């Protein structure tokens, strides 16, 4: 059987091959609804399948968006990747996801791989890309949008949430429960990179403590971002003689580790220990007790990142501040902080 071509579709639909192309690619020019329906009906009747490889060679772009995350096993990054995938599907694009595992060489590997595939653009969720990564992006002249973090090494468009403000909200709320102080489970870096969200969470905690006249000295503890290692850190912290009355965790995954350690040590939460996190991943509403945390609008952030990476008109030039799109944070109150009734989205 002869291969069905775009010309065949155009003849059956009674239109031009250009219009068929506009329907298949969802642009760049609009198509009247009735004409679009005729083209789609012809495509279905003939069983036409566009040659994506040929299209990519002609345009030097594919229908793919590359996305690099530190670790898709962590709930926050998994939910963010899913939100980006949904937003990309709405624009007729597919997403390739690579895990950097917090390693510079892995990040550079995926940068080269995705850009070599001629992706339409790249969404980078990084915990501080290296100078090598920045040089790679510049060499390829790639369309890149930074999501979740605004590292200093790469001066490109970024979509973030209000990390400092959100951490202040959570810490202030814990202090309103009349705790003597709030400890903080931060990241693993003694000197975190500029634009690191966890560093901003620590900064928000620090500001809230200082505003209330409380010292932060000796009350910041380093912990990996995942629940398993954070659990080990929490066991030592909660077993010691100076057990804190409340803990703000820079990520929800860390908070899950703290809750598990408290349960194992028979420490009542929130009666003997109040806990709050940051991210509002779906699992936060299912812990025992449900976790008070800071919510960021990941679907809206994902849509903004996809729009920015695909639309040149939205990739405004100007100062670093003008190239930053920041979404507000909101406190979601549940029982782990000591409040009886939850507020805001549970899941």
C-alpha atoms as a PDB file:
ATOM      1  CA  UNK A   1       0.000   0.000   0.000  1.00  0.00           C
ATOM      2  CA  UNK A   2       1.360   3.442  -0.952  1.00  0.00           C
ATOM      3  CA  UNK A   3       2.307   5.750   1.868  1.00  0.00           C
ATOM      4  CA  UNK A   4      -0.317   8.391   2.611  1.00  0.00           C
ATOM      5  CA  UNK A   5       1.069  11.882   2.158  1.00  0.00           C
ATOM      6  CA  UNK A   6       0.063  15.346   3.224  1.00  0.00           C
ATOM      7  CA  UNK A   7      -0.997  16.013  -0.367  1.00  0.00           C
ATOM      8  CA  UNK A   8      -3.495  13.145  -0.092  1.00  0.00           C
ATOM      9  CA  UNK A   9      -4.986  14.672   3.042  1.00  0.00           C
ATOM     10  CA  UNK A  10      -5.214  18.096   1.420  1.00  0.00           C
ATOM     11  CA  UNK A  11      -7.017  16.687  -1.666  1.00  0.00           C
ATOM     12  CA  UNK A  12      -9.562  14.785   0.427  1.00  0.00           C
ATOM     13  CA  UNK A  13     -10.182  17.758   2.723  1.00  0.00           C
ATOM     14  CA  UNK A  14     -10.391  20.183  -0.204  1.00  0.00           C
ATOM     15  CA  UNK A  15      -7.704  22.496   1.113  1.00  0.00           C
ATOM     16  CA  UNK A  16      -3.990  23.258   0.729  1.00  0.00           C
ATOM     17  CA  UNK A  17      -1.079  21.326   2.194  1.00  0.00           C
ATOM     18  CA  UNK A  18      -0.170  24.467   4.156  1.00  0.00           C
ATOM     19  CA  UNK A  19      -3.515  24.377   5.946  1.00  0.00           C
ATOM     20  CA  UNK A  20      -3.006  20.675   6.696  1.00  0.00           C
ATOM     21  CA  UNK A  21       0.363  21.621   8.212  1.00  0.00           C
ATOM     22  CA  UNK A  22      -1.248  24.340  10.353  1.00  0.00           C
ATOM     23  CA  UNK A  23      -3.755  21.814  11.723  1.00  0.00           C
ATOM     24  CA  UNK A  24      -1.117  19.163  12.450  1.00  0.00           C
ATOM     25  CA  UNK A  25       1.265  21.607  14.103  1.00  0.00           C
ATOM     26  CA  UNK A  26      -1.449  23.699  15.771  1.00  0.00           C
ATOM     27  CA  UNK A  27      -0.156  26.785  13.993  1.00  0.00           C
ATOM     28  CA  UNK A  28       1.537  29.063  13.267  1.00  0.00           C
ATOM     29  CA  UNK A  29      -1.612  30.390  11.540  1.00  0.00           C
ATOM     30  CA  UNK A  30      -5.185  29.877  12.747  1.00  0.00           C
ATOM     31  CA  UNK A  31      -7.526  27.543  10.867  1.00  0.00           C
ATOM     32  CA  UNK A  32     -11.313  27.957  10.705  1.00  0.00           C
ATOM     33  CA  UNK A  33     -13.125  25.356  12.871  1.00  0.00           C
ATOM     34  CA  UNK A  34     -15.018  23.841   9.917  1.00  0.00           C
ATOM     35  CA  UNK A  35     -11.810  23.512   7.870  1.00  0.00           C
ATOM     36  CA  UNK A  36      -9.981  22.004  10.828  1.00  0.00           C
ATOM     37  CA  UNK A  37     -12.715  19.387  11.200  1.00  0.00           C
ATOM     38  CA  UNK A  38     -12.457  18.452   7.494  1.00  0.00           C
ATOM     39  CA  UNK A  39      -8.689  18.055   7.785  1.00  0.00           C
ATOM     40  CA  UNK A  40      -8.937  15.945  10.940  1.00  0.00           C
ATOM     41  CA  UNK A  41     -11.606  13.764   9.326  1.00  0.00           C
ATOM     42  CA  UNK A  42      -9.386  13.258   6.272  1.00  0.00           C
ATOM     43  CA  UNK A  43      -6.406  12.368   8.472  1.00  0.00           C
ATOM     44  CA  UNK A  44      -8.509   9.779  10.290  1.00  0.00           C
ATOM     45  CA  UNK A  45     -10.034   8.330   7.106  1.00  0.00           C
ATOM     46  CA  UNK A  46      -6.670   7.964   5.360  1.00  0.00           C
ATOM     47  CA  UNK A  47      -4.744   6.893   8.459  1.00  0.00           C
ATOM     48  CA  UNK A  48      -2.161   9.619   7.866  1.00  0.00           C
ATOM     49  CA  UNK A  49       0.823   9.713  10.249  1.00  0.00           C
ATOM     50  CA  UNK A  50       3.070  12.805  10.111  1.00  0.00           C
ATOM     51  CA  UNK A  51       6.777  12.126   9.625  1.00  0.00           C
ATOM     52  CA  UNK A  52       8.084  13.744  12.779  1.00  0.00           C
ATOM     53  CA  UNK A  53      11.703  13.078  11.877  1.00  0.00           C
ATOM     54  CA  UNK A  54      11.350  14.889   8.567  1.00  0.00           C
ATOM     55  CA  UNK A  55       9.564  17.755  10.264  1.00  0.00           C
ATOM     56  CA  UNK A  56      12.346  18.058  12.832  1.00  0.00           C
ATOM     57  CA  UNK A  57      15.030  18.039  10.133  1.00  0.00           C
ATOM     58  CA  UNK A  58      13.234  20.752   8.191  1.00  0.00           C
ATOM     59  CA  UNK A  59      12.568  23.010  11.162  1.00  0.00           C
ATOM     60  CA  UNK A  60      15.666  21.987  13.192  1.00  0.00           C
ATOM     61  CA  UNK A  61      13.257  21.592  16.125  1.00  0.00           C
ATOM     62  CA  UNK A  62      11.279  18.630  17.430  1.00  0.00           C
ATOM     63  CA  UNK A  63       8.009  18.426  19.329  1.00  0.00           C
ATOM     64  CA  UNK A  64      10.039  17.597  22.430  1.00  0.00           C
ATOM     65  CA  UNK A  65      10.850  19.591  25.537  1.00  0.00           C
ATOM     66  CA  UNK A  66      13.787  18.416  27.613  1.00  0.00           C
ATOM     67  CA  UNK A  67      13.480  18.599  31.393  1.00  0.00           C
ATOM     68  CA  UNK A  68      16.284  17.943  33.867  1.00  0.00           C
ATOM     69  CA  UNK A  69      15.454  17.398  37.550  1.00  0.00           C
ATOM     70  CA  UNK A  70      17.736  16.486  40.470  1.00  0.00           C
ATOM     71  CA  UNK A  71      15.816  13.345  41.502  1.00  0.00           C
ATOM     72  CA  UNK A  72      12.399  12.344  40.127  1.00  0.00           C
ATOM     73  CA  UNK A  73      11.986   9.865  42.994  1.00  0.00           C
ATOM     74  CA  UNK A  74      11.377  12.768  45.356  1.00  0.00           C
ATOM     75  CA  UNK A  75       7.671  13.712  45.442  1.00  0.00           C
ATOM     76  CA  UNK A  76       8.206  17.418  44.752  1.00  0.00           C
ATOM     77  CA  UNK A  77      10.192  16.827  41.571  1.00  0.00           C
ATOM     78  CA  UNK A  78       7.861  14.035  40.463  1.00  0.00           C
ATOM     79  CA  UNK A  79       4.828  16.298  40.819  1.00  0.00           C
ATOM     80  CA  UNK A  80       6.607  19.171  39.081  1.00  0.00           C
ATOM     81  CA  UNK A  81       7.614  16.944  36.161  1.00  0.00           C
ATOM     82  CA  UNK A  82       4.031  15.680  35.834  1.00  0.00           C
ATOM     83  CA  UNK A  83       2.710  19.254  35.827  1.00  0.00           C
ATOM     84  CA  UNK A  84       5.182  20.203  33.082  1.00  0.00           C
ATOM     85  CA  UNK A  85       4.165  17.141  31.058  1.00  0.00           C
ATOM     86  CA  UNK A  86       0.490  18.136  31.273  1.00  0.00           C
ATOM     87  CA  UNK A  87       1.231  21.747  30.332  1.00  0.00           C
ATOM     88  CA  UNK A  88       3.375  20.617  27.397  1.00  0.00           C
ATOM     89  CA  UNK A  89       0.645  18.252  26.159  1.00  0.00           C
ATOM     90  CA  UNK A  90      -1.731  21.210  25.995  1.00  0.00           C
ATOM     91  CA  UNK A  91       0.753  22.793  23.580  1.00  0.00           C
ATOM     92  CA  UNK A  92       1.156  19.621  21.505  1.00  0.00           C
ATOM     93  CA  UNK A  93       4.595  18.819  22.932  1.00  0.00           C
ATOM     94  CA  UNK A  94       6.093  15.832  24.714  1.00  0.00           C
ATOM     95  CA  UNK A  95       8.588  15.900  27.586  1.00  0.00           C
ATOM     96  CA  UNK A  96      11.822  13.962  28.029  1.00  0.00           C
ATOM     97  CA  UNK A  97      12.967  13.807  31.668  1.00  0.00           C
ATOM     98  CA  UNK A  98      16.507  13.203  32.884  1.00  0.00           C
ATOM     99  CA  UNK A  99      17.748  12.925  36.481  1.00  0.00           C
ATOM    100  CA  UNK A 100      20.958  14.751  37.341  1.00  0.00           C
ATOM    101  CA  UNK A 101      21.218  13.032  40.750  1.00  0.00           C
ATOM    102  CA  UNK A 102      22.607  16.340  42.061  1.00  0.00           C
ATOM    103  CA  UNK A 103      25.791  15.738  40.025  1.00  0.00           C
ATOM    104  CA  UNK A 104      27.293  18.265  37.642  1.00  0.00           C
ATOM    105  CA  UNK A 105      28.487  15.664  35.148  1.00  0.00           C
ATOM    106  CA  UNK A 106      25.019  14.102  34.895  1.00  0.00           C
ATOM    107  CA  UNK A 107      23.445  17.506  34.354  1.00  0.00           C
ATOM    108  CA  UNK A 108      25.906  18.279  31.548  1.00  0.00           C
ATOM    109  CA  UNK A 109      25.290  14.810  30.062  1.00  0.00           C
ATOM    110  CA  UNK A 110      21.546  15.428  29.761  1.00  0.00           C
ATOM    111  CA  UNK A 111      22.064  18.971  28.515  1.00  0.00           C
ATOM    112  CA  UNK A 112      24.161  17.652  25.641  1.00  0.00           C
ATOM    113  CA  UNK A 113      21.824  14.732  24.948  1.00  0.00           C
ATOM    114  CA  UNK A 114      18.612  16.781  24.879  1.00  0.00           C
ATOM    115  CA  UNK A 115      20.061  19.715  22.955  1.00  0.00           C
ATOM    116  CA  UNK A 116      21.565  17.254  20.481  1.00  0.00           C
ATOM    117  CA  UNK A 117      18.050  15.935  19.882  1.00  0.00           C
ATOM    118  CA  UNK A 118      17.007  19.454  18.836  1.00  0.00           C
ATOM    119  CA  UNK A 119      14.382  19.792  21.539  1.00  0.00           C
ATOM    120  CA  UNK A 120      12.099  22.815  21.225  1.00  0.00           C
ATOM    121  CA  UNK A 121      13.421  24.021  24.552  1.00  0.00           C
ATOM    122  CA  UNK A 122      14.840  22.971  27.872  1.00  0.00           C
ATOM    123  CA  UNK A 123      13.364  23.312  31.367  1.00  0.00           C
ATOM    124  CA  UNK A 124      16.066  23.034  33.979  1.00  0.00           C
ATOM    125  CA  UNK A 125      15.361  22.252  37.633  1.00  0.00           C
ATOM    126  CA  UNK A 126      18.810  22.443  39.119  1.00  0.00           C
ATOM    127  CA  UNK A 127      20.379  22.593  42.551  1.00  0.00           C
ATOM    128  CA  UNK A 128      23.006  24.989  41.271  1.00  0.00           C
ATOM    129  CA  UNK A 129      24.343  24.241  37.779  1.00  0.00           C
ATOM    130  CA  UNK A 130      28.095  24.378  37.241  1.00  0.00           C
ATOM    131  CA  UNK A 131      30.040  26.688  34.974  1.00  0.00           C
ATOM    132  CA  UNK A 132      30.280  23.703  32.578  1.00  0.00           C
ATOM    133  CA  UNK A 133      26.487  23.549  32.327  1.00  0.00           C
ATOM    134  CA  UNK A 134      26.276  27.299  31.749  1.00  0.00           C
ATOM    135  CA  UNK A 135      28.907  27.068  28.993  1.00  0.00           C
ATOM    136  CA  UNK A 136      27.038  24.185  27.358  1.00  0.00           C
ATOM    137  CA  UNK A 137      23.812  26.184  27.229  1.00  0.00           C
ATOM    138  CA  UNK A 138      25.605  29.195  25.769  1.00  0.00           C
ATOM    139  CA  UNK A 139      27.399  27.073  23.155  1.00  0.00           C
ATOM    140  CA  UNK A 140      24.132  25.596  21.870  1.00  0.00           C
ATOM    141  CA  UNK A 141      22.306  28.950  22.050  1.00  0.00           C
ATOM    142  CA  UNK A 142      19.500  26.983  23.675  1.00  0.00           C
ATOM    143  CA  UNK A 143      16.044  28.040  24.766  1.00  0.00           C
ATOM    144  CA  UNK A 144      16.256  27.451  28.506  1.00  0.00           C
ATOM    145  CA  UNK A 145      13.850  28.251  31.322  1.00  0.00           C
ATOM    146  CA  UNK A 146      14.942  27.747  34.911  1.00  0.00           C
ATOM    147  CA  UNK A 147      12.239  26.291  37.123  1.00  0.00           C
ATOM    148  CA  UNK A 148      12.119  26.242  40.939  1.00  0.00           C
ATOM    149  CA  UNK A 149      15.635  27.669  41.298  1.00  0.00           C
ATOM    150  CA  UNK A 150      17.422  30.740  39.941  1.00  0.00           C
ATOM    151  CA  UNK A 151      21.135  29.828  40.049  1.00  0.00           C
ATOM    152  CA  UNK A 152      23.729  32.555  39.672  1.00  0.00           C
ATOM    153  CA  UNK A 153      25.703  30.728  36.971  1.00  0.00           C
ATOM    154  CA  UNK A 154      22.918  30.887  34.364  1.00  0.00           C
ATOM    155  CA  UNK A 155      21.325  34.240  33.584  1.00  0.00           C
ATOM    156  CA  UNK A 156      18.154  33.020  31.891  1.00  0.00           C
ATOM    157  CA  UNK A 157      14.401  33.311  32.388  1.00  0.00           C
ATOM    158  CA  UNK A 158      13.281  31.728  35.668  1.00  0.00           C
ATOM    159  CA  UNK A 159       9.972  30.640  37.225  1.00  0.00           C
ATOM    160  CA  UNK A 160      10.055  30.351  41.001  1.00  0.00           C
ATOM    161  CA  UNK A 161       7.872  30.572  44.090  1.00  0.00           C
ATOM    162  CA  UNK A 162       8.295  32.978  47.017  1.00  0.00           C
ATOM    163  CA  UNK A 163      10.586  30.698  49.000  1.00  0.00           C
ATOM    164  CA  UNK A 164      11.700  33.215  51.608  1.00  0.00           C
ATOM    165  CA  UNK A 165       8.190  34.528  52.263  1.00  0.00           C
ATOM    166  CA  UNK A 166       6.703  31.037  52.465  1.00  0.00           C
ATOM    167  CA  UNK A 167       9.287  29.910  55.032  1.00  0.00           C
ATOM    168  CA  UNK A 168       8.594  33.021  57.094  1.00  0.00           C
ATOM    169  CA  UNK A 169       4.880  32.180  57.119  1.00  0.00           C
ATOM    170  CA  UNK A 170       5.508  28.643  58.370  1.00  0.00           C
ATOM    171  CA  UNK A 171       8.019  29.676  61.047  1.00  0.00           C
ATOM    172  CA  UNK A 172       5.850  32.527  62.320  1.00  0.00           C
ATOM    173  CA  UNK A 173       2.907  30.157  62.577  1.00  0.00           C
ATOM    174  CA  UNK A 174       4.911  27.692  64.675  1.00  0.00           C
ATOM    175  CA  UNK A 175       6.078  30.521  66.935  1.00  0.00           C
ATOM    176  CA  UNK A 176       2.468  31.632  67.408  1.00  0.00           C
ATOM    177  CA  UNK A 177       1.933  28.323  69.218  1.00  0.00           C
ATOM    178  CA  UNK A 178       4.112  29.779  72.029  1.00  0.00           C
ATOM    179  CA  UNK A 179       7.159  27.612  71.412  1.00  0.00           C
ATOM    180  CA  UNK A 180      10.394  28.902  72.918  1.00  0.00           C
ATOM    181  CA  UNK A 181      12.026  28.600  69.509  1.00  0.00           C
ATOM    182  CA  UNK A 182      11.812  26.767  66.187  1.00  0.00           C
ATOM    183  CA  UNK A 183      14.701  24.647  64.913  1.00  0.00           C
ATOM    184  CA  UNK A 184      15.325  24.322  61.186  1.00  0.00           C
ATOM    185  CA  UNK A 185      16.280  21.321  59.085  1.00  0.00           C
ATOM    186  CA  UNK A 186      18.091  22.873  56.137  1.00  0.00           C
ATOM    187  CA  UNK A 187      20.135  21.375  53.340  1.00  0.00           C
ATOM    188  CA  UNK A 188      23.563  19.780  53.259  1.00  0.00           C
ATOM    189  CA  UNK A 189      25.512  22.817  52.079  1.00  0.00           C
ATOM    190  CA  UNK A 190      27.256  24.999  54.642  1.00  0.00           C
ATOM    191  CA  UNK A 191      27.481  27.748  52.025  1.00  0.00           C
ATOM    192  CA  UNK A 192      24.571  27.142  49.625  1.00  0.00           C
ATOM    193  CA  UNK A 193      24.573  28.622  46.136  1.00  0.00           C
ATOM    194  CA  UNK A 194      22.739  31.825  45.312  1.00  0.00           C
ATOM    195  CA  UNK A 195      19.163  31.138  44.209  1.00  0.00           C
ATOM    196  CA  UNK A 196      18.962  27.769  45.992  1.00  0.00           C
ATOM    197  CA  UNK A 197      15.343  27.360  47.224  1.00  0.00           C
ATOM    198  CA  UNK A 198      16.446  25.474  50.348  1.00  0.00           C
ATOM    199  CA  UNK A 199      18.817  28.314  51.199  1.00  0.00           C
ATOM    200  CA  UNK A 200      15.886  30.709  50.784  1.00  0.00           C
ATOM    201  CA  UNK A 201      13.775  28.540  53.085  1.00  0.00           C
ATOM    202  CA  UNK A 202      16.509  28.753  55.698  1.00  0.00           C
ATOM    203  CA  UNK A 203      16.690  32.515  55.181  1.00  0.00           C
ATOM    204  CA  UNK A 204      12.920  32.821  55.703  1.00  0.00           C
ATOM    205  CA  UNK A 205      13.189  30.796  58.923  1.00  0.00           C
ATOM    206  CA  UNK A 206      16.074  32.990  60.069  1.00  0.00           C
ATOM    207  CA  UNK A 207      14.158  36.215  59.407  1.00  0.00           C
ATOM    208  CA  UNK A 208      11.063  35.017  61.266  1.00  0.00           C
ATOM    209  CA  UNK A 209      13.157  33.966  64.265  1.00  0.00           C
ATOM    210  CA  UNK A 210      15.002  37.271  64.336  1.00  0.00           C
ATOM    211  CA  UNK A 211      11.756  39.247  63.987  1.00  0.00           C
ATOM    212  CA  UNK A 212      10.488  37.517  67.116  1.00  0.00           C
ATOM    213  CA  UNK A 213      13.682  38.271  69.029  1.00  0.00           C
ATOM    214  CA  UNK A 214      14.801  34.630  69.123  1.00  0.00           C
ATOM    215  CA  UNK A 215      18.331  33.455  68.422  1.00  0.00           C
ATOM    216  CA  UNK A 216      19.095  31.069  65.542  1.00  0.00           C
ATOM    217  CA  UNK A 217      22.519  30.077  66.871  1.00  0.00           C
ATOM    218  CA  UNK A 218      22.875  26.308  67.156  1.00  0.00           C
ATOM    219  CA  UNK A 219      19.335  25.757  65.877  1.00  0.00           C
ATOM    220  CA  UNK A 220      20.028  25.101  62.184  1.00  0.00           C
ATOM    221  CA  UNK A 221      20.758  21.465  61.332  1.00  0.00           C
ATOM    222  CA  UNK A 222      22.036  20.068  58.065  1.00  0.00           C
ATOM    223  CA  UNK A 223      20.098  17.217  56.497  1.00  0.00           C
ATOM    224  CA  UNK A 224      19.761  15.701  53.006  1.00  0.00           C
ATOM    225  CA  UNK A 225      16.557  16.565  51.181  1.00  0.00           C
ATOM    226  CA  UNK A 226      15.102  13.046  51.167  1.00  0.00           C
ATOM    227  CA  UNK A 227      13.069  11.448  53.967  1.00  0.00           C
ATOM    228  CA  UNK A 228      15.355   8.478  54.485  1.00  0.00           C
ATOM    229  CA  UNK A 229      18.497  10.427  55.349  1.00  0.00           C
ATOM    230  CA  UNK A 230      16.493  13.140  57.122  1.00  0.00           C
ATOM    231  CA  UNK A 231      15.014  10.395  59.307  1.00  0.00           C
ATOM    232  CA  UNK A 232      18.530   9.438  60.450  1.00  0.00           C
ATOM    233  CA  UNK A 233      19.354  13.062  61.246  1.00  0.00           C
ATOM    234  CA  UNK A 234      16.054  13.466  63.131  1.00  0.00           C
ATOM    235  CA  UNK A 235      16.698  10.361  65.246  1.00  0.00           C
ATOM    236  CA  UNK A 236      19.877  11.925  66.580  1.00  0.00           C
ATOM    237  CA  UNK A 237      18.324  15.349  67.033  1.00  0.00           C
ATOM    238  CA  UNK A 238      15.204  14.126  68.832  1.00  0.00           C
ATOM    239  CA  UNK A 239      17.117  11.663  71.016  1.00  0.00           C
ATOM    240  CA  UNK A 240      19.419  14.332  72.422  1.00  0.00           C
ATOM    241  CA  UNK A 241      19.038  16.314  75.640  1.00  0.00           C
ATOM    242  CA  UNK A 242      18.197  19.557  73.801  1.00  0.00           C
ATOM    243  CA  UNK A 243      15.252  18.317  71.787  1.00  0.00           C
ATOM    244  CA  UNK A 244      13.590  21.274  70.040  1.00  0.00           C
ATOM    245  CA  UNK A 245       9.910  22.024  70.714  1.00  0.00           C
ATOM    246  CA  UNK A 246       9.240  22.719  67.007  1.00  0.00           C
ATOM    247  CA  UNK A 247      10.979  22.054  63.707  1.00  0.00           C
ATOM    248  CA  UNK A 248      10.583  23.778  60.354  1.00  0.00           C
ATOM    249  CA  UNK A 249      11.810  21.516  57.538  1.00  0.00           C
ATOM    250  CA  UNK A 250      13.049  22.990  54.263  1.00  0.00           C
ATOM    251  CA  UNK A 251      11.217  20.243  52.327  1.00  0.00           C
ATOM    252  CA  UNK A 252       8.186  18.053  52.963  1.00  0.00           C
ATOM    253  CA  UNK A 253      10.283  14.960  52.342  1.00  0.00           C
ATOM    254  CA  UNK A 254      12.524  15.943  55.258  1.00  0.00           C
ATOM    255  CA  UNK A 255       9.420  16.482  57.390  1.00  0.00           C
ATOM    256  CA  UNK A 256       8.228  12.950  56.581  1.00  0.00           C
ATOM    257  CA  UNK A 257      11.522  11.666  57.964  1.00  0.00           C
ATOM    258  CA  UNK A 258      11.069  13.749  61.126  1.00  0.00           C
ATOM    259  CA  UNK A 259       7.541  12.437  61.649  1.00  0.00           C
ATOM    260  CA  UNK A 260       8.754   8.857  61.295  1.00  0.00           C
ATOM    261  CA  UNK A 261      11.594   9.424  63.781  1.00  0.00           C
ATOM    262  CA  UNK A 262       9.217  11.033  66.287  1.00  0.00           C
ATOM    263  CA  UNK A 263       6.825   8.100  66.033  1.00  0.00           C
ATOM    264  CA  UNK A 264       9.679   5.624  66.557  1.00  0.00           C
ATOM    265  CA  UNK A 265      10.870   7.551  69.630  1.00  0.00           C
ATOM    266  CA  UNK A 266       7.298   7.798  70.969  1.00  0.00           C
ATOM    267  CA  UNK A 267       7.315  11.583  70.801  1.00  0.00           C
ATOM    268  CA  UNK A 268       3.796  12.936  70.352  1.00  0.00           C
ATOM    269  CA  UNK A 269       3.261  15.240  67.375  1.00  0.00           C
ATOM    270  CA  UNK A 270       2.073  17.920  67.892  1.00  0.00           C
ATOM    271  CA  UNK A 271       1.777  17.552  71.706  1.00  0.00           C
ATOM    272  CA  UNK A 272       5.526  17.332  72.321  1.00  0.00           C
ATOM    273  CA  UNK A 273       6.887  18.375  68.960  1.00  0.00           C
ATOM    274  CA  UNK A 274       5.400  20.649  66.282  1.00  0.00           C
ATOM    275  CA  UNK A 275       6.475  20.097  62.674  1.00  0.00           C
ATOM    276  CA  UNK A 276       6.034  22.082  59.455  1.00  0.00           C
ATOM    277  CA  UNK A 277       7.410  21.535  55.959  1.00  0.00           C
ATOM    278  CA  UNK A 278       7.616  23.224  52.575  1.00  0.00           C
ATOM    279  CA  UNK A 279       6.193  22.154  49.163  1.00  0.00           C
ATOM    280  CA  UNK A 280       2.720  20.744  49.968  1.00  0.00           C
ATOM    281  CA  UNK A 281       3.234  17.539  48.018  1.00  0.00           C
ATOM    282  CA  UNK A 282       0.095  15.392  47.924  1.00  0.00           C
ATOM    283  CA  UNK A 283       1.399  12.968  50.524  1.00  0.00           C
ATOM    284  CA  UNK A 284       1.532  15.792  53.084  1.00  0.00           C
ATOM    285  CA  UNK A 285      -2.219  15.507  53.598  1.00  0.00           C
ATOM    286  CA  UNK A 286      -1.975  11.783  54.355  1.00  0.00           C
ATOM    287  CA  UNK A 287       0.712  11.689  57.047  1.00  0.00           C
ATOM    288  CA  UNK A 288      -0.154  11.034  60.683  1.00  0.00           C
ATOM    289  CA  UNK A 289      -0.743  13.721  61.753  1.00  0.00           C
ATOM    290  CA  UNK A 290      -1.314  15.580  58.470  1.00  0.00           C
ATOM    291  CA  UNK A 291       1.556  17.965  57.774  1.00  0.00           C
ATOM    292  CA  UNK A 292       1.349  21.744  57.981  1.00  0.00           C
ATOM    293  CA  UNK A 293       3.323  23.029  55.027  1.00  0.00           C
ATOM    294  CA  UNK A 294       3.846  25.781  52.468  1.00  0.00           C
ATOM    295  CA  UNK A 295       1.993  25.490  49.167  1.00  0.00           C
ATOM    296  CA  UNK A 296       3.351  26.525  45.777  1.00  0.00           C
ATOM    297  CA  UNK A 297       1.194  26.532  42.653  1.00  0.00           C
ATOM    298  CA  UNK A 298       3.097  23.933  40.640  1.00  0.00           C
ATOM    299  CA  UNK A 299       0.552  23.653  37.769  1.00  0.00           C
ATOM    300  CA  UNK A 300       0.678  27.424  37.204  1.00  0.00           C
ATOM    301  CA  UNK A 301       4.475  27.428  37.439  1.00  0.00           C
ATOM    302  CA  UNK A 302       4.690  24.546  34.968  1.00  0.00           C
ATOM    303  CA  UNK A 303       2.398  26.294  32.464  1.00  0.00           C
ATOM    304  CA  UNK A 304       4.447  29.473  32.771  1.00  0.00           C
ATOM    305  CA  UNK A 305       7.689  27.563  32.195  1.00  0.00           C
ATOM    306  CA  UNK A 306       6.325  25.781  29.110  1.00  0.00           C
ATOM    307  CA  UNK A 307       4.932  29.021  27.675  1.00  0.00           C
ATOM    308  CA  UNK A 308       8.246  30.785  28.259  1.00  0.00           C
ATOM    309  CA  UNK A 309      10.351  28.047  26.692  1.00  0.00           C
ATOM    310  CA  UNK A 310       8.154  27.886  23.570  1.00  0.00           C
ATOM    311  CA  UNK A 311       7.228  31.531  22.975  1.00  0.00           C
ATOM    312  CA  UNK A 312      10.031  33.921  22.027  1.00  0.00           C
ATOM    313  CA  UNK A 313       7.758  36.914  22.638  1.00  0.00           C
ATOM    314  CA  UNK A 314       7.469  36.004  26.310  1.00  0.00           C
ATOM    315  CA  UNK A 315      11.222  35.602  26.795  1.00  0.00           C
ATOM    316  CA  UNK A 316      11.673  39.290  27.582  1.00  0.00           C
ATOM    317  CA  UNK A 317      15.094  40.876  27.675  1.00  0.00           C
ATOM    318  CA  UNK A 318      16.132  43.177  30.430  1.00  0.00           C
ATOM    319  CA  UNK A 319      17.507  42.957  33.950  1.00  0.00           C
ATOM    320  CA  UNK A 320      17.779  39.773  35.960  1.00  0.00           C
ATOM    321  CA  UNK A 321      14.810  40.859  38.087  1.00  0.00           C
ATOM    322  CA  UNK A 322      12.649  41.491  34.999  1.00  0.00           C
ATOM    323  CA  UNK A 323      13.400  37.959  33.777  1.00  0.00           C
ATOM    324  CA  UNK A 324      12.099  36.413  36.985  1.00  0.00           C
ATOM    325  CA  UNK A 325       8.483  35.222  37.275  1.00  0.00           C
ATOM    326  CA  UNK A 326       7.666  34.641  40.931  1.00  0.00           C
ATOM    327  CA  UNK A 327       4.502  32.980  42.212  1.00  0.00           C
ATOM    328  CA  UNK A 328       3.234  33.569  45.770  1.00  0.00           C
ATOM    329  CA  UNK A 329       3.433  30.958  48.511  1.00  0.00           C
ATOM    330  CA  UNK A 330       0.605  30.120  50.918  1.00  0.00           C
ATOM    331  CA  UNK A 331       0.524  28.361  54.277  1.00  0.00           C
ATOM    332  CA  UNK A 332      -1.568  25.189  54.474  1.00  0.00           C
ATOM    333  CA  UNK A 333      -2.440  24.533  58.114  1.00  0.00           C
ATOM    334  CA  UNK A 334      -2.927  20.934  59.242  1.00  0.00           C
ATOM    335  CA  UNK A 335      -2.551  19.160  62.585  1.00  0.00           C
ATOM    336  CA  UNK A 336       1.235  18.656  62.797  1.00  0.00           C
ATOM    337  CA  UNK A 337       1.696  22.248  64.002  1.00  0.00           C
ATOM    338  CA  UNK A 338      -0.857  21.955  66.808  1.00  0.00           C
ATOM    339  CA  UNK A 339      -3.904  23.373  65.062  1.00  0.00           C
ATOM    340  CA  UNK A 340      -7.069  21.337  65.321  1.00  0.00           C
ATOM    341  CA  UNK A 341      -8.690  22.123  61.992  1.00  0.00           C
ATOM    342  CA  UNK A 342      -6.965  22.109  58.597  1.00  0.00           C
ATOM    343  CA  UNK A 343      -7.162  25.003  56.148  1.00  0.00           C
ATOM    344  CA  UNK A 344      -6.429  25.262  52.465  1.00  0.00           C
ATOM    345  CA  UNK A 345      -6.039  22.374  50.006  1.00  0.00           C
ATOM    346  CA  UNK A 346      -5.687  19.040  51.752  1.00  0.00           C
ATOM    347  CA  UNK A 347      -4.372  17.194  48.662  1.00  0.00           C
END
